[in-house]
Amino acid sequence: MKDLADLSRPGSGPIGLSRNLPFLGVSGRYLSRTLAELSGAPELSAFLDHQSEKGLVHHLHGGCDWLARTGVKADPDEIVITCGAQHGTLVTLMAVAAPRA
């Protein structure tokens, strides 16, 4: 088991992306409560099954609705679902750094 001091974050300096650490603070109790609530949800099994690489249709439309609140119009075909912020950052960097045909 790692020493908890090894998991601490400095208060200043560059942002380290080498480790995927959860945010500190009171979020732990909210996460525990949310996971407990989700564990009893009958629709949870739908998230545990194989998903399309494109994502769930209602998630794609939800992304469009969220962007629309900021004034950005998007089509569900333009939305990319990622598995968290680090995956989203990686996908974005790969897209902008990809060689153009």
PDB file of N, CA and C in Angstrom:
ATOM      1  N   MET A   1       0.845  -1.180   0.000  1.00  0.00           N
ATOM      2  CA  MET A   1       0.000   0.000   0.000  1.00  0.00           C
ATOM      3  C   MET A   1       0.887   1.239   0.000  1.00  0.00           C
ATOM      4  N   LYS A   2       0.555   2.164  -0.851  1.00  0.00           N
ATOM      5  CA  LYS A   2       1.318   3.413  -0.926  1.00  0.00           C
ATOM      6  C   LYS A   2       1.064   4.267   0.307  1.00  0.00           C
ATOM      7  N   ASP A   3       2.069   5.004   0.667  1.00  0.00           N
ATOM      8  CA  ASP A   3       1.923   5.985   1.736  1.00  0.00           C
ATOM      9  C   ASP A   3       1.034   7.111   1.207  1.00  0.00           C
ATOM     10  N   LEU A   4       0.084   7.567   2.012  1.00  0.00           N
ATOM     11  CA  LEU A   4      -0.821   8.627   1.564  1.00  0.00           C
ATOM     12  C   LEU A   4      -0.084   9.893   1.175  1.00  0.00           C
ATOM     13  N   ALA A   5       1.077  10.133   1.751  1.00  0.00           N
ATOM     14  CA  ALA A   5       1.863  11.318   1.387  1.00  0.00           C
ATOM     15  C   ALA A   5       2.284  11.258  -0.072  1.00  0.00           C
ATOM     16  N   ASP A   6       2.457  10.042  -0.615  1.00  0.00           N
ATOM     17  CA  ASP A   6       2.828   9.897  -2.024  1.00  0.00           C
ATOM     18  C   ASP A   6       1.714  10.366  -2.953  1.00  0.00           C
ATOM     19  N   LEU A   7       0.490  10.426  -2.446  1.00  0.00           N
ATOM     20  CA  LEU A   7      -0.652  10.808  -3.269  1.00  0.00           C
ATOM     21  C   LEU A   7      -1.017  12.280  -3.131  1.00  0.00           C
ATOM     22  N   SER A   8      -0.274  13.024  -2.344  1.00  0.00           N
ATOM     23  CA  SER A   8      -0.597  14.438  -2.146  1.00  0.00           C
ATOM     24  C   SER A   8      -0.236  15.241  -3.389  1.00  0.00           C
ATOM     25  N   ARG A   9      -0.863  16.377  -3.514  1.00  0.00           N
ATOM     26  CA  ARG A   9      -0.624  17.255  -4.659  1.00  0.00           C
ATOM     27  C   ARG A   9       0.006  18.545  -4.166  1.00  0.00           C
ATOM     28  N   PRO A  10       0.990  19.043  -4.904  1.00  0.00           N
ATOM     29  CA  PRO A  10       1.568  20.333  -4.517  1.00  0.00           C
ATOM     30  C   PRO A  10       0.555  21.450  -4.770  1.00  0.00           C
ATOM     31  N   GLY A  11       0.656  22.512  -3.989  1.00  0.00           N
ATOM     32  CA  GLY A  11      -0.262  23.632  -4.133  1.00  0.00           C
ATOM     33  C   GLY A  11       0.060  24.542  -5.302  1.00  0.00           C
ATOM     34  N   SER A  12       1.263  24.423  -5.856  1.00  0.00           N
ATOM     35  CA  SER A  12       1.642  25.259  -6.989  1.00  0.00           C
ATOM     36  C   SER A  12       2.580  24.462  -7.887  1.00  0.00           C
ATOM     37  N   GLY A  13       2.913  25.037  -9.018  1.00  0.00           N
ATOM     38  CA  GLY A  13       3.796  24.367  -9.963  1.00  0.00           C
ATOM     39  C   GLY A  13       3.011  23.761 -11.111  1.00  0.00           C
ATOM     40  N   PRO A  14       3.691  23.001 -11.963  1.00  0.00           N
ATOM     41  CA  PRO A  14       3.012  22.418 -13.122  1.00  0.00           C
ATOM     42  C   PRO A  14       1.987  21.364 -12.695  1.00  0.00           C
ATOM     43  N   ILE A  15       0.996  21.181 -13.525  1.00  0.00           N
ATOM     44  CA  ILE A  15      -0.028  20.169 -13.274  1.00  0.00           C
ATOM     45  C   ILE A  15       0.508  18.835 -13.774  1.00  0.00           C
ATOM     46  N   GLY A  16       0.603  17.861 -12.886  1.00  0.00           N
ATOM     47  CA  GLY A  16       1.105  16.543 -13.257  1.00  0.00           C
ATOM     48  C   GLY A  16      -0.009  15.670 -13.806  1.00  0.00           C
ATOM     49  N   LEU A  17       0.152  15.180 -15.019  1.00  0.00           N
ATOM     50  CA  LEU A  17      -0.843  14.297 -15.625  1.00  0.00           C
ATOM     51  C   LEU A  17      -0.395  12.836 -15.593  1.00  0.00           C
ATOM     52  N   SER A  18       0.678  12.542 -14.861  1.00  0.00           N
ATOM     53  CA  SER A  18       1.202  11.179 -14.848  1.00  0.00           C
ATOM     54  C   SER A  18       0.384  10.245 -13.971  1.00  0.00           C
ATOM     55  N   ARG A  19      -0.381  10.796 -13.036  1.00  0.00           N
ATOM     56  CA  ARG A  19      -1.214   9.970 -12.162  1.00  0.00           C
ATOM     57  C   ARG A  19      -2.649  10.476 -12.194  1.00  0.00           C
ATOM     58  N   ASN A  20      -3.576   9.569 -12.241  1.00  0.00           N
ATOM     59  CA  ASN A  20      -4.992   9.927 -12.264  1.00  0.00           C
ATOM     60  C   ASN A  20      -5.525   9.846 -10.838  1.00  0.00           C
ATOM     61  N   LEU A  21      -5.456  10.960 -10.122  1.00  0.00           N
ATOM     62  CA  LEU A  21      -5.879  11.004  -8.732  1.00  0.00           C
ATOM     63  C   LEU A  21      -7.229  11.695  -8.614  1.00  0.00           C
ATOM     64  N   PRO A  22      -8.072  11.231  -7.695  1.00  0.00           N
ATOM     65  CA  PRO A  22      -9.357  11.910  -7.493  1.00  0.00           C
ATOM     66  C   PRO A  22      -9.144  13.267  -6.843  1.00  0.00           C
ATOM     67  N   PHE A  23     -10.128  14.140  -7.010  1.00  0.00           N
ATOM     68  CA  PHE A  23     -10.080  15.429  -6.341  1.00  0.00           C
ATOM     69  C   PHE A  23     -10.187  15.214  -4.840  1.00  0.00           C
ATOM     70  N   LEU A  24      -9.482  16.028  -4.095  1.00  0.00           N
ATOM     71  CA  LEU A  24      -9.506  15.921  -2.644  1.00  0.00           C
ATOM     72  C   LEU A  24     -10.680  16.700  -2.075  1.00  0.00           C
ATOM     73  N   GLY A  25     -10.928  16.532  -0.811  1.00  0.00           N
ATOM     74  CA  GLY A  25     -11.978  17.296  -0.153  1.00  0.00           C
ATOM     75  C   GLY A  25     -13.156  16.436   0.223  1.00  0.00           C
ATOM     76  N   VAL A  26     -14.321  17.075   0.262  1.00  0.00           N
ATOM     77  CA  VAL A  26     -15.527  16.403   0.736  1.00  0.00           C
ATOM     78  C   VAL A  26     -16.181  15.525  -0.321  1.00  0.00           C
ATOM     79  N   SER A  27     -15.622  15.461  -1.504  1.00  0.00           N
ATOM     80  CA  SER A  27     -16.268  14.717  -2.586  1.00  0.00           C
ATOM     81  C   SER A  27     -16.385  13.228  -2.292  1.00  0.00           C
ATOM     82  N   GLY A  28     -15.535  12.694  -1.430  1.00  0.00           N
ATOM     83  CA  GLY A  28     -15.578  11.270  -1.118  1.00  0.00           C
ATOM     84  C   GLY A  28     -16.915  10.825  -0.573  1.00  0.00           C
ATOM     85  N   ARG A  29     -17.491  11.609   0.315  1.00  0.00           N
ATOM     86  CA  ARG A  29     -18.780  11.202   0.891  1.00  0.00           C
ATOM     87  C   ARG A  29     -19.900  11.299  -0.145  1.00  0.00           C
ATOM     88  N   TYR A  30     -19.812  12.279  -1.056  1.00  0.00           N
ATOM     89  CA  TYR A  30     -20.820  12.390  -2.108  1.00  0.00           C
ATOM     90  C   TYR A  30     -20.699  11.226  -3.087  1.00  0.00           C
ATOM     91  N   LEU A  31     -19.469  10.847  -3.405  1.00  0.00           N
ATOM     92  CA  LEU A  31     -19.259   9.713  -4.296  1.00  0.00           C
ATOM     93  C   LEU A  31     -19.805   8.438  -3.667  1.00  0.00           C
ATOM     94  N   SER A  32     -19.543   8.225  -2.392  1.00  0.00           N
ATOM     95  CA  SER A  32     -20.048   7.038  -1.697  1.00  0.00           C
ATOM     96  C   SER A  32     -21.569   6.992  -1.730  1.00  0.00           C
ATOM     97  N   ARG A  33     -22.198   8.124  -1.445  1.00  0.00           N
ATOM     98  CA  ARG A  33     -23.660   8.177  -1.440  1.00  0.00           C
ATOM     99  C   ARG A  33     -24.219   7.927  -2.842  1.00  0.00           C
ATOM    100  N   THR A  34     -23.605   8.533  -3.847  1.00  0.00           N
ATOM    101  CA  THR A  34     -24.079   8.366  -5.217  1.00  0.00           C
ATOM    102  C   THR A  34     -23.928   6.925  -5.684  1.00  0.00           C
ATOM    103  N   LEU A  35     -22.786   6.301  -5.389  1.00  0.00           N
ATOM    104  CA  LEU A  35     -22.589   4.906  -5.784  1.00  0.00           C
ATOM    105  C   LEU A  35     -23.583   3.984  -5.090  1.00  0.00           C
ATOM    106  N   ALA A  36     -23.897   4.270  -3.828  1.00  0.00           N
ATOM    107  CA  ALA A  36     -24.889   3.468  -3.111  1.00  0.00           C
ATOM    108  C   ALA A  36     -26.261   3.604  -3.767  1.00  0.00           C
ATOM    109  N   GLU A  37     -26.625   4.826  -4.166  1.00  0.00           N
ATOM    110  CA  GLU A  37     -27.905   5.042  -4.841  1.00  0.00           C
ATOM    111  C   GLU A  37     -27.931   4.336  -6.190  1.00  0.00           C
ATOM    112  N   LEU A  38     -26.840   4.435  -6.935  1.00  0.00           N
ATOM    113  CA  LEU A  38     -26.773   3.799  -8.249  1.00  0.00           C
ATOM    114  C   LEU A  38     -26.844   2.281  -8.161  1.00  0.00           C
ATOM    115  N   SER A  39     -26.315   1.713  -7.098  1.00  0.00           N
ATOM    116  CA  SER A  39     -26.276   0.255  -6.987  1.00  0.00           C
ATOM    117  C   SER A  39     -27.670  -0.355  -6.968  1.00  0.00           C
ATOM    118  N   GLY A  40     -28.672   0.398  -6.565  1.00  0.00           N
ATOM    119  CA  GLY A  40     -30.034  -0.113  -6.538  1.00  0.00           C
ATOM    120  C   GLY A  40     -30.857   0.256  -7.757  1.00  0.00           C
ATOM    121  N   ALA A  41     -30.275   0.966  -8.696  1.00  0.00           N
ATOM    122  CA  ALA A  41     -31.015   1.414  -9.883  1.00  0.00           C
ATOM    123  C   ALA A  41     -31.178   0.265 -10.875  1.00  0.00           C
ATOM    124  N   PRO A  42     -32.422  -0.063 -11.268  1.00  0.00           N
ATOM    125  CA  PRO A  42     -32.635  -1.184 -12.188  1.00  0.00           C
ATOM    126  C   PRO A  42     -32.013  -0.962 -13.570  1.00  0.00           C
ATOM    127  N   GLU A  43     -31.875   0.287 -13.989  1.00  0.00           N
ATOM    128  CA  GLU A  43     -31.317   0.567 -15.319  1.00  0.00           C
ATOM    129  C   GLU A  43     -29.792   0.519 -15.341  1.00  0.00           C
ATOM    130  N   LEU A  44     -29.161   0.265 -14.204  1.00  0.00           N
ATOM    131  CA  LEU A  44     -27.703   0.234 -14.124  1.00  0.00           C
ATOM    132  C   LEU A  44     -27.105  -0.820 -15.049  1.00  0.00           C
ATOM    133  N   SER A  45     -27.779  -1.945 -15.218  1.00  0.00           N
ATOM    134  CA  SER A  45     -27.226  -3.022 -16.047  1.00  0.00           C
ATOM    135  C   SER A  45     -27.006  -2.576 -17.489  1.00  0.00           C
ATOM    136  N   ALA A  46     -27.766  -1.599 -17.958  1.00  0.00           N
ATOM    137  CA  ALA A  46     -27.579  -1.106 -19.326  1.00  0.00           C
ATOM    138  C   ALA A  46     -26.204  -0.472 -19.504  1.00  0.00           C
ATOM    139  N   PHE A  47     -25.641   0.086 -18.432  1.00  0.00           N
ATOM    140  CA  PHE A  47     -24.324   0.710 -18.516  1.00  0.00           C
ATOM    141  C   PHE A  47     -23.200  -0.312 -18.424  1.00  0.00           C
ATOM    142  N   LEU A  48     -23.508  -1.501 -17.945  1.00  0.00           N
ATOM    143  CA  LEU A  48     -22.487  -2.526 -17.776  1.00  0.00           C
ATOM    144  C   LEU A  48     -22.337  -3.393 -19.016  1.00  0.00           C
ATOM    145  N   ASP A  49     -23.269  -3.299 -19.933  1.00  0.00           N
ATOM    146  CA  ASP A  49     -23.219  -4.073 -21.165  1.00  0.00           C
ATOM    147  C   ASP A  49     -22.300  -3.380 -22.169  1.00  0.00           C
ATOM    148  N   HIS A  50     -21.987  -4.069 -23.257  1.00  0.00           N
ATOM    149  CA  HIS A  50     -21.140  -3.490 -24.307  1.00  0.00           C
ATOM    150  C   HIS A  50     -21.817  -2.251 -24.880  1.00  0.00           C
ATOM    151  N   GLN A  51     -21.054  -1.200 -25.026  1.00  0.00           N
ATOM    152  CA  GLN A  51     -21.569   0.051 -25.577  1.00  0.00           C
ATOM    153  C   GLN A  51     -21.014   0.252 -26.987  1.00  0.00           C
ATOM    154  N   SER A  52     -21.770   0.919 -27.802  1.00  0.00           N
ATOM    155  CA  SER A  52     -21.298   1.295 -29.127  1.00  0.00           C
ATOM    156  C   SER A  52     -20.111   2.241 -28.972  1.00  0.00           C
ATOM    157  N   GLU A  53     -19.152   2.144 -29.880  1.00  0.00           N
ATOM    158  CA  GLU A  53     -17.996   3.052 -29.806  1.00  0.00           C
ATOM    159  C   GLU A  53     -18.423   4.505 -29.994  1.00  0.00           C
ATOM    160  N   LYS A  54     -19.580   4.727 -30.585  1.00  0.00           N
ATOM    161  CA  LYS A  54     -20.098   6.083 -30.793  1.00  0.00           C
ATOM    162  C   LYS A  54     -20.712   6.655 -29.517  1.00  0.00           C
ATOM    163  N   GLY A  55     -21.213   5.789 -28.639  1.00  0.00           N
ATOM    164  CA  GLY A  55     -21.850   6.253 -27.412  1.00  0.00           C
ATOM    165  C   GLY A  55     -23.352   6.028 -27.448  1.00  0.00           C
ATOM    166  N   LEU A  56     -23.996   6.240 -26.323  1.00  0.00           N
ATOM    167  CA  LEU A  56     -25.447   6.102 -26.237  1.00  0.00           C
ATOM    168  C   LEU A  56     -26.110   7.340 -26.836  1.00  0.00           C
ATOM    169  N   VAL A  57     -27.170   7.111 -27.605  1.00  0.00           N
ATOM    170  CA  VAL A  57     -27.836   8.196 -28.328  1.00  0.00           C
ATOM    171  C   VAL A  57     -28.277   9.310 -27.378  1.00  0.00           C
ATOM    172  N   HIS A  58     -28.855   8.949 -26.229  1.00  0.00           N
ATOM    173  CA  HIS A  58     -29.327  10.013 -25.328  1.00  0.00           C
ATOM    174  C   HIS A  58     -28.154  10.769 -24.700  1.00  0.00           C
ATOM    175  N   HIS A  59     -26.981  10.162 -24.599  1.00  0.00           N
ATOM    176  CA  HIS A  59     -25.807  10.900 -24.126  1.00  0.00           C
ATOM    177  C   HIS A  59     -25.340  11.895 -25.192  1.00  0.00           C
ATOM    178  N   LEU A  60     -25.368  11.471 -26.457  1.00  0.00           N
ATOM    179  CA  LEU A  60     -24.968  12.367 -27.547  1.00  0.00           C
ATOM    180  C   LEU A  60     -25.894  13.583 -27.612  1.00  0.00           C
ATOM    181  N   HIS A  61     -27.191  13.343 -27.484  1.00  0.00           N
ATOM    182  CA  HIS A  61     -28.148  14.456 -27.490  1.00  0.00           C
ATOM    183  C   HIS A  61     -27.985  15.317 -26.238  1.00  0.00           C
ATOM    184  N   GLY A  62     -27.667  14.687 -25.120  1.00  0.00           N
ATOM    185  CA  GLY A  62     -27.403  15.445 -23.895  1.00  0.00           C
ATOM    186  C   GLY A  62     -26.209  16.365 -24.063  1.00  0.00           C
ATOM    187  N   GLY A  63     -25.174  15.886 -24.766  1.00  0.00           N
ATOM    188  CA  GLY A  63     -24.011  16.727 -25.060  1.00  0.00           C
ATOM    189  C   GLY A  63     -24.394  17.923 -25.909  1.00  0.00           C
ATOM    190  N   CYS A  64     -25.252  17.689 -26.895  1.00  0.00           N
ATOM    191  CA  CYS A  64     -25.727  18.788 -27.746  1.00  0.00           C
ATOM    192  C   CYS A  64     -26.522  19.806 -26.927  1.00  0.00           C
ATOM    193  N   ASP A  65     -27.389  19.313 -26.054  1.00  0.00           N
ATOM    194  CA  ASP A  65     -28.193  20.210 -25.210  1.00  0.00           C
ATOM    195  C   ASP A  65     -27.302  21.037 -24.292  1.00  0.00           C
ATOM    196  N   TRP A  66     -26.284  20.397 -23.722  1.00  0.00           N
ATOM    197  CA  TRP A  66     -25.365  21.100 -22.818  1.00  0.00           C
ATOM    198  C   TRP A  66     -24.610  22.192 -23.576  1.00  0.00           C
ATOM    199  N   LEU A  67     -24.119  21.869 -24.771  1.00  0.00           N
ATOM    200  CA  LEU A  67     -23.412  22.865 -25.579  1.00  0.00           C
ATOM    201  C   LEU A  67     -24.340  24.008 -25.988  1.00  0.00           C
ATOM    202  N   ALA A  68     -25.604  23.683 -26.273  1.00  0.00           N
ATOM    203  CA  ALA A  68     -26.566  24.712 -26.684  1.00  0.00           C
ATOM    204  C   ALA A  68     -26.755  25.760 -25.590  1.00  0.00           C
ATOM    205  N   ARG A  69     -26.632  25.363 -24.330  1.00  0.00           N
ATOM    206  CA  ARG A  69     -26.769  26.331 -23.232  1.00  0.00           C
ATOM    207  C   ARG A  69     -25.654  27.359 -23.241  1.00  0.00           C
ATOM    208  N   THR A  70     -24.545  27.048 -23.908  1.00  0.00           N
ATOM    209  CA  THR A  70     -23.432  27.998 -24.003  1.00  0.00           C
ATOM    210  C   THR A  70     -23.429  28.718 -25.349  1.00  0.00           C
ATOM    211  N   GLY A  71     -24.468  28.454 -26.161  1.00  0.00           N
ATOM    212  CA  GLY A  71     -24.570  29.104 -27.457  1.00  0.00           C
ATOM    213  C   GLY A  71     -23.904  28.347 -28.591  1.00  0.00           C
ATOM    214  N   VAL A  72     -23.440  27.132 -28.339  1.00  0.00           N
ATOM    215  CA  VAL A  72     -22.780  26.332 -29.375  1.00  0.00           C
ATOM    216  C   VAL A  72     -23.789  25.345 -29.945  1.00  0.00           C
ATOM    217  N   LYS A  73     -23.985  25.400 -31.263  1.00  0.00           N
ATOM    218  CA  LYS A  73     -24.891  24.462 -31.922  1.00  0.00           C
ATOM    219  C   LYS A  73     -24.071  23.283 -32.419  1.00  0.00           C
ATOM    220  N   ALA A  74     -24.463  22.074 -32.027  1.00  0.00           N
ATOM    221  CA  ALA A  74     -23.743  20.869 -32.434  1.00  0.00           C
ATOM    222  C   ALA A  74     -24.737  19.788 -32.819  1.00  0.00           C
ATOM    223  N   ASP A  75     -24.301  18.920 -33.694  1.00  0.00           N
ATOM    224  CA  ASP A  75     -25.073  17.763 -34.121  1.00  0.00           C
ATOM    225  C   ASP A  75     -24.579  16.552 -33.330  1.00  0.00           C
ATOM    226  N   PRO A  76     -25.453  15.604 -32.999  1.00  0.00           N
ATOM    227  CA  PRO A  76     -24.995  14.422 -32.261  1.00  0.00           C
ATOM    228  C   PRO A  76     -23.834  13.689 -32.933  1.00  0.00           C
ATOM    229  N   ASP A  77     -23.740  13.757 -34.257  1.00  0.00           N
ATOM    230  CA  ASP A  77     -22.627  13.111 -34.966  1.00  0.00           C
ATOM    231  C   ASP A  77     -21.296  13.815 -34.717  1.00  0.00           C
ATOM    232  N   GLU A  78     -21.334  15.024 -34.177  1.00  0.00           N
ATOM    233  CA  GLU A  78     -20.114  15.775 -33.889  1.00  0.00           C
ATOM    234  C   GLU A  78     -19.649  15.614 -32.441  1.00  0.00           C
ATOM    235  N   ILE A  79     -20.404  14.888 -31.639  1.00  0.00           N
ATOM    236  CA  ILE A  79     -20.095  14.706 -30.220  1.00  0.00           C
ATOM    237  C   ILE A  79     -19.252  13.445 -30.040  1.00  0.00           C
ATOM    238  N   VAL A  80     -18.211  13.543 -29.227  1.00  0.00           N
ATOM    239  CA  VAL A  80     -17.367  12.390 -28.900  1.00  0.00           C
ATOM    240  C   VAL A  80     -17.486  12.151 -27.402  1.00  0.00           C
ATOM    241  N   ILE A  81     -17.936  10.964 -27.036  1.00  0.00           N
ATOM    242  CA  ILE A  81     -18.046  10.591 -25.628  1.00  0.00           C
ATOM    243  C   ILE A  81     -16.697  10.037 -25.180  1.00  0.00           C
ATOM    244  N   THR A  82     -16.179  10.536 -24.071  1.00  0.00           N
ATOM    245  CA  THR A  82     -14.899  10.046 -23.552  1.00  0.00           C
ATOM    246  C   THR A  82     -15.087   9.478 -22.153  1.00  0.00           C
ATOM    247  N   CYS A  83     -14.100   8.757 -21.715  1.00  0.00           N
ATOM    248  CA  CYS A  83     -14.120   8.124 -20.385  1.00  0.00           C
ATOM    249  C   CYS A  83     -13.361   8.989 -19.391  1.00  0.00           C
ATOM    250  N   GLY A  84     -13.793  10.209 -19.202  1.00  0.00           N
ATOM    251  CA  GLY A  84     -13.159  11.098 -18.241  1.00  0.00           C
ATOM    252  C   GLY A  84     -12.301  12.159 -18.900  1.00  0.00           C
ATOM    253  N   ALA A  85     -11.786  13.042 -18.064  1.00  0.00           N
ATOM    254  CA  ALA A  85     -11.034  14.201 -18.546  1.00  0.00           C
ATOM    255  C   ALA A  85      -9.715  13.818 -19.198  1.00  0.00           C
ATOM    256  N   GLN A  86      -8.993  12.861 -18.622  1.00  0.00           N
ATOM    257  CA  GLN A  86      -7.709  12.488 -19.217  1.00  0.00           C
ATOM    258  C   GLN A  86      -7.906  11.853 -20.588  1.00  0.00           C
ATOM    259  N   HIS A  87      -8.922  11.015 -20.722  1.00  0.00           N
ATOM    260  CA  HIS A  87      -9.216  10.420 -22.020  1.00  0.00           C
ATOM    261  C   HIS A  87      -9.636  11.506 -23.010  1.00  0.00           C
ATOM    262  N   GLY A  88     -10.443  12.460 -22.548  1.00  0.00           N
ATOM    263  CA  GLY A  88     -10.855  13.564 -23.408  1.00  0.00           C
ATOM    264  C   GLY A  88      -9.678  14.402 -23.866  1.00  0.00           C
ATOM    265  N   THR A  89      -8.739  14.666 -22.959  1.00  0.00           N
ATOM    266  CA  THR A  89      -7.533  15.418 -23.318  1.00  0.00           C
ATOM    267  C   THR A  89      -6.713  14.652 -24.342  1.00  0.00           C
ATOM    268  N   LEU A  90      -6.543  13.351 -24.136  1.00  0.00           N
ATOM    269  CA  LEU A  90      -5.785  12.522 -25.074  1.00  0.00           C
ATOM    270  C   LEU A  90      -6.437  12.519 -26.454  1.00  0.00           C
ATOM    271  N   VAL A  91      -7.746  12.310 -26.506  1.00  0.00           N
ATOM    272  CA  VAL A  91      -8.457  12.279 -27.789  1.00  0.00           C
ATOM    273  C   VAL A  91      -8.328  13.623 -28.502  1.00  0.00           C
ATOM    274  N   THR A  92      -8.441  14.719 -27.762  1.00  0.00           N
ATOM    275  CA  THR A  92      -8.310  16.054 -28.353  1.00  0.00           C
ATOM    276  C   THR A  92      -6.914  16.273 -28.916  1.00  0.00           C
ATOM    277  N   LEU A  93      -5.895  15.927 -28.137  1.00  0.00           N
ATOM    278  CA  LEU A  93      -4.512  16.089 -28.613  1.00  0.00           C
ATOM    279  C   LEU A  93      -4.241  15.220 -29.835  1.00  0.00           C
ATOM    280  N   MET A  94      -4.772  14.000 -29.834  1.00  0.00           N
ATOM    281  CA  MET A  94      -4.585  13.124 -30.996  1.00  0.00           C
ATOM    282  C   MET A  94      -5.264  13.708 -32.236  1.00  0.00           C
ATOM    283  N   ALA A  95      -6.429  14.324 -32.044  1.00  0.00           N
ATOM    284  CA  ALA A  95      -7.155  14.896 -33.180  1.00  0.00           C
ATOM    285  C   ALA A  95      -6.427  16.094 -33.768  1.00  0.00           C
ATOM    286  N   VAL A  96      -5.923  16.989 -32.919  1.00  0.00           N
ATOM    287  CA  VAL A  96      -5.266  18.184 -33.444  1.00  0.00           C
ATOM    288  C   VAL A  96      -3.848  17.896 -33.931  1.00  0.00           C
ATOM    289  N   ALA A  97      -3.231  16.822 -33.450  1.00  0.00           N
ATOM    290  CA  ALA A  97      -1.865  16.497 -33.864  1.00  0.00           C
ATOM    291  C   ALA A  97      -1.819  15.474 -34.995  1.00  0.00           C
ATOM    292  N   ALA A  98      -2.969  14.963 -35.392  1.00  0.00           N
ATOM    293  CA  ALA A  98      -3.005  13.936 -36.442  1.00  0.00           C
ATOM    294  C   ALA A  98      -2.556  14.524 -37.776  1.00  0.00           C
ATOM    295  N   PRO A  99      -1.781  13.752 -38.534  1.00  0.00           N
ATOM    296  CA  PRO A  99      -1.392  14.223 -39.868  1.00  0.00           C
ATOM    297  C   PRO A  99      -2.630  14.418 -40.741  1.00  0.00           C
ATOM    298  N   ARG A 100      -2.636  15.468 -41.496  1.00  0.00           N
ATOM    299  CA  ARG A 100      -3.768  15.756 -42.391  1.00  0.00           C
ATOM    300  C   ARG A 100      -3.554  15.047 -43.719  1.00  0.00           C
ATOM    301  N   ALA A 101      -4.637  14.554 -44.276  1.00  0.00           N
ATOM    302  CA  ALA A 101      -4.554  13.849 -45.567  1.00  0.00           C
ATOM    303  C   ALA A 101      -4.582  14.825 -46.716  1.00  0.00           C
TER     304      ALA A 101
END
